[in-house]
Structure formats: structure tokens, C-alpha cells
Amino acid sequence: MSRSKHLVVLAAATAIAVLAIAPGAQATPPTHEDIGTIPYEFVVDCSPYGFSFENQVVGEEEVSVDTFFNSQGEPRQVVVHDSFDETDRNSVTGKTMRFRGNRVETFDLVAGTRTVVGISFVVTDPGHGIVIHDTGRVVFDAPFHVSFEAGPHDVLHGDVDQFACSALAAP
């Protein structure tokens, strides 16, 4: 092994050893809370959007929360894993659509930001394709203030109930 390769290997091994030992000695371990499965059911009145039916919603949501701490034991980051699967139904025609989502929401308590990554909402209308598409990454630096956005975000910039009612009204 050449001298330069040896120094690179030694430096890498030292860095790994320091990272492996130092944080473990003083860091407070993260906590994990599995909230579990939360069933839900509600009705959305579609008349404000010009339709004479209700959207009957039935679904389940799975939630877990991880909290990370600094060496003084103070929380510095909260990560929420959230997924849902639901069926929306037109109360008059019986037409149904599947809503789903699977996202990670990170609250950086030090920087004061909230980052949402993943599938917030995807709705497929059989025979028509995706009718609501809210996926990607969004960073908020204050409540309701977007500082960064990547991907399509129908719901972020619109009314999910109006979108759902319109899609359920389509033939």
C-alpha cells in the first residue's frame, strides 16, 4: 500500500472511530412512539363547490413519532412518519376513489423549520388517472410560509375537498 493510500485509510478509520465513540458517550438516545392505527370516518358537504352530494370518507392512518435530543437532553428534532389509505365515495352515484399518502414530517426545533417529504396526497380516479397529486418536498420556515418547494403540490396550493368533490362528480 502506498503512503498516501495508507494515510487516507488511517484518516478514515480514525474519523469513523471518533464518530462512533464520541456521540454515544454523552448523547441522549432518541425516543420512538408508535401511535398506531387510527381509523376515521367523516362526511364532506360538496354543495359549496356546486355539487348536490356528500363525499363519504372512510380510512385509516398510521403514525409514529421519533424525537432526537442534544447532549443536554433537550429535544432538537421531531420526526413524524404518517401514512394513510382511505376511500372517498359520492353519496348519490356511489362512485369511489382511493386516497393515499405516505410522508415524513421533520420539525427542526433549532432552526424553526418544518420539512415535509413524500406523498402527502395521491388520488386516482379509475379510468381517468391521477386527479390529485401532492408529492415531493416542502420546507416551511414559519407556519404557512413556504421557503422551498419541489414536486407537484395540488393540495398545498388548493382546496383538497373541492378537488375531491370535483373528481367524484366526474363521470
Protein backbone atom coordinates (compact mmCIF):
# COMPACT_ATOMS: atom_id res chain seq x y z
CA MET A 1 0.00 0.00 0.00
CA SER A 2 1.36 3.41 -0.89
CA ARG A 3 1.93 6.02 1.77
CA SER A 4 -0.90 8.26 0.54
CA LYS A 5 -3.37 5.35 0.46
CA HIS A 6 -2.28 4.34 3.95
CA LEU A 7 -2.89 7.90 5.26
CA VAL A 8 -6.33 8.01 3.65
CA VAL A 9 -7.28 4.65 5.20
CA LEU A 10 -5.91 5.73 8.59
CA ALA A 11 -7.74 9.07 8.47
CA ALA A 12 -11.00 7.35 7.51
CA ALA A 13 -10.64 4.76 10.27
CA THR A 14 -9.91 7.48 12.83
CA ALA A 15 -12.92 9.54 11.74
CA ILE A 16 -15.20 6.51 11.98
CA ALA A 17 -13.87 5.66 15.45
CA VAL A 18 -14.35 9.22 16.72
CA LEU A 19 -17.87 9.43 15.33
CA ALA A 20 -18.76 6.05 16.77
CA ILE A 21 -17.42 6.74 20.27
CA ALA A 22 -17.96 10.43 20.97
CA PRO A 23 -21.70 10.85 20.41
CA GLY A 24 -22.59 7.66 22.25
CA ALA A 25 -20.78 8.79 25.39
CA GLN A 26 -22.92 11.87 26.02
CA ALA A 27 -25.93 11.89 23.71
CA THR A 28 -29.43 11.27 25.00
CA PRO A 29 -30.89 8.43 22.94
CA PRO A 30 -33.85 9.24 20.69
CA THR A 31 -37.34 8.19 21.67
CA HIS A 32 -39.80 6.36 19.43
CA GLU A 33 -43.55 6.43 19.95
CA ASP A 34 -45.78 4.25 17.81
CA ILE A 35 -49.17 5.95 17.86
CA GLY A 36 -50.61 3.05 15.89
CA THR A 37 -53.54 2.79 13.53
CA ILE A 38 -56.19 5.47 13.75
CA PRO A 39 -59.45 4.71 11.92
CA TYR A 40 -61.50 7.70 10.77
CA GLU A 41 -64.76 8.46 9.05
CA PHE A 42 -66.32 11.80 8.10
CA VAL A 43 -68.54 13.49 5.52
CA VAL A 44 -67.70 16.48 3.32
CA ASP A 45 -70.58 18.60 2.02
CA CYS A 46 -69.88 19.21 -1.69
CA SER A 47 -72.61 21.86 -2.12
CA PRO A 48 -70.21 24.81 -1.56
CA TYR A 49 -68.43 23.61 -4.72
CA GLY A 50 -71.64 23.41 -6.78
CA PHE A 51 -72.45 19.71 -6.32
CA SER A 52 -75.54 18.12 -4.74
CA PHE A 53 -73.90 15.20 -2.97
CA GLU A 54 -71.71 14.43 0.01
CA ASN A 55 -68.24 12.91 -0.03
CA GLN A 56 -68.35 10.00 2.42
CA VAL A 57 -64.82 9.32 3.66
CA VAL A 58 -63.58 6.16 5.44
CA GLY A 59 -59.93 5.46 6.12
CA GLU A 60 -57.04 4.54 8.39
CA GLU A 61 -53.92 6.44 9.35
CA GLU A 62 -50.67 5.03 10.80
CA VAL A 63 -48.50 7.42 12.82
CA SER A 64 -45.20 7.17 14.68
CA VAL A 65 -43.04 9.90 16.23
CA ASP A 66 -39.27 9.96 16.78
CA THR A 67 -37.72 12.65 18.97
CA PHE A 68 -33.99 13.41 18.87
CA PHE A 69 -32.11 15.20 21.67
CA ASN A 70 -28.87 17.13 22.11
CA SER A 71 -26.25 16.14 24.68
CA GLN A 72 -28.06 18.19 27.36
CA GLY A 73 -31.22 16.12 26.83
CA GLU A 74 -33.16 18.91 25.09
CA PRO A 75 -35.27 17.96 22.07
CA ARG A 76 -33.75 19.25 18.82
CA GLN A 77 -35.75 17.40 16.17
CA VAL A 78 -39.12 15.64 15.95
CA VAL A 79 -39.82 13.31 13.02
CA VAL A 80 -43.38 12.19 12.31
CA HIS A 81 -43.97 9.19 10.00
CA ASP A 82 -47.52 9.33 8.68
CA SER A 83 -49.33 7.16 6.15
CA PHE A 84 -52.99 6.83 5.30
CA ASP A 85 -55.31 4.96 2.99
CA GLU A 86 -58.92 5.98 2.51
CA THR A 87 -61.89 5.59 0.24
CA ASP A 88 -63.97 8.61 -0.76
CA ARG A 89 -67.50 7.92 -2.02
CA ASN A 90 -70.08 10.05 -3.85
CA SER A 91 -73.26 9.67 -1.74
CA VAL A 92 -75.54 9.89 -4.82
CA THR A 93 -73.77 7.93 -7.58
CA GLY A 94 -71.69 5.60 -5.42
CA LYS A 95 -68.51 6.44 -7.35
CA THR A 96 -65.42 5.78 -5.22
CA MET A 97 -61.81 6.89 -5.32
CA ARG A 98 -58.80 5.80 -3.29
CA PHE A 99 -56.82 8.47 -1.43
CA ARG A 100 -53.40 7.56 -0.07
CA GLY A 101 -50.32 9.16 1.39
CA ASN A 102 -47.01 8.25 2.97
CA ARG A 103 -44.86 11.11 4.20
CA VAL A 104 -42.24 12.13 6.72
CA GLU A 105 -42.60 15.46 8.50
CA THR A 106 -39.48 16.79 10.25
CA PHE A 107 -39.66 19.61 12.78
CA ASP A 108 -36.21 21.15 13.31
CA LEU A 109 -36.66 22.77 16.72
CA VAL A 110 -33.30 24.56 16.50
CA ALA A 111 -33.75 26.11 13.04
CA GLY A 112 -37.51 26.57 13.47
CA THR A 113 -38.37 24.78 10.22
CA ARG A 114 -40.79 22.06 9.17
CA THR A 115 -39.95 19.83 6.20
CA VAL A 116 -42.48 17.52 4.56
CA VAL A 117 -41.15 14.80 2.22
CA GLY A 118 -43.04 12.07 0.38
CA ILE A 119 -46.59 11.56 -0.79
CA SER A 120 -48.94 13.93 1.01
CA PHE A 121 -51.91 13.05 -1.24
CA VAL A 122 -52.31 10.96 -4.35
CA VAL A 123 -55.79 10.25 -5.65
CA THR A 124 -56.52 8.09 -8.65
CA ASP A 125 -59.84 8.17 -10.46
CA PRO A 126 -60.27 4.80 -12.18
CA GLY A 127 -60.29 5.35 -15.92
CA HIS A 128 -59.02 8.93 -15.61
CA GLY A 129 -55.69 8.57 -13.78
CA ILE A 130 -54.29 10.78 -11.05
CA VAL A 131 -56.64 13.65 -10.17
CA ILE A 132 -54.93 14.99 -7.04
CA HIS A 133 -51.15 14.95 -6.83
CA ASP A 134 -49.27 16.40 -3.87
CA THR A 135 -45.81 14.84 -3.61
CA GLY A 136 -42.18 15.86 -3.23
CA ARG A 137 -40.61 18.15 -0.67
CA VAL A 138 -41.76 21.36 1.02
CA VAL A 139 -39.86 23.36 3.64
CA PHE A 140 -41.71 25.85 5.84
CA ASP A 141 -39.74 28.49 7.75
CA ALA A 142 -42.86 29.74 9.55
CA PRO A 143 -46.44 28.49 9.74
CA PHE A 144 -47.91 28.53 6.22
CA HIS A 145 -44.80 30.18 4.71
CA VAL A 146 -43.06 28.02 2.12
CA SER A 147 -39.32 28.64 1.81
CA PHE A 148 -38.60 25.74 -0.59
CA GLU A 149 -40.77 23.55 -2.79
CA ALA A 150 -40.07 20.67 -5.18
CA GLY A 151 -42.66 18.49 -6.91
CA PRO A 152 -46.35 18.88 -7.71
CA HIS A 153 -48.37 20.26 -4.78
CA ASP A 154 -52.06 20.46 -5.68
CA VAL A 155 -53.25 20.40 -2.06
CA LEU A 156 -50.63 22.84 -0.80
CA HIS A 157 -51.95 25.41 -3.28
CA GLY A 158 -55.61 24.45 -3.39
CA ASP A 159 -58.59 23.00 -1.56
CA VAL A 160 -58.45 19.21 -1.21
CA ASP A 161 -62.22 19.00 -0.52
CA GLN A 162 -63.01 20.93 -3.70
CA PHE A 163 -60.63 18.69 -5.72
CA ALA A 164 -62.20 15.54 -4.25
CA CYS A 165 -65.76 16.70 -4.85
CA SER A 166 -64.94 17.67 -8.46
CA ALA A 167 -63.30 14.30 -9.12
CA LEU A 168 -66.20 12.40 -7.54
CA ALA A 169 -68.65 14.36 -9.73
CA ALA A 170 -66.83 13.42 -12.97
CA PRO A 171 -68.41 10.55 -14.93
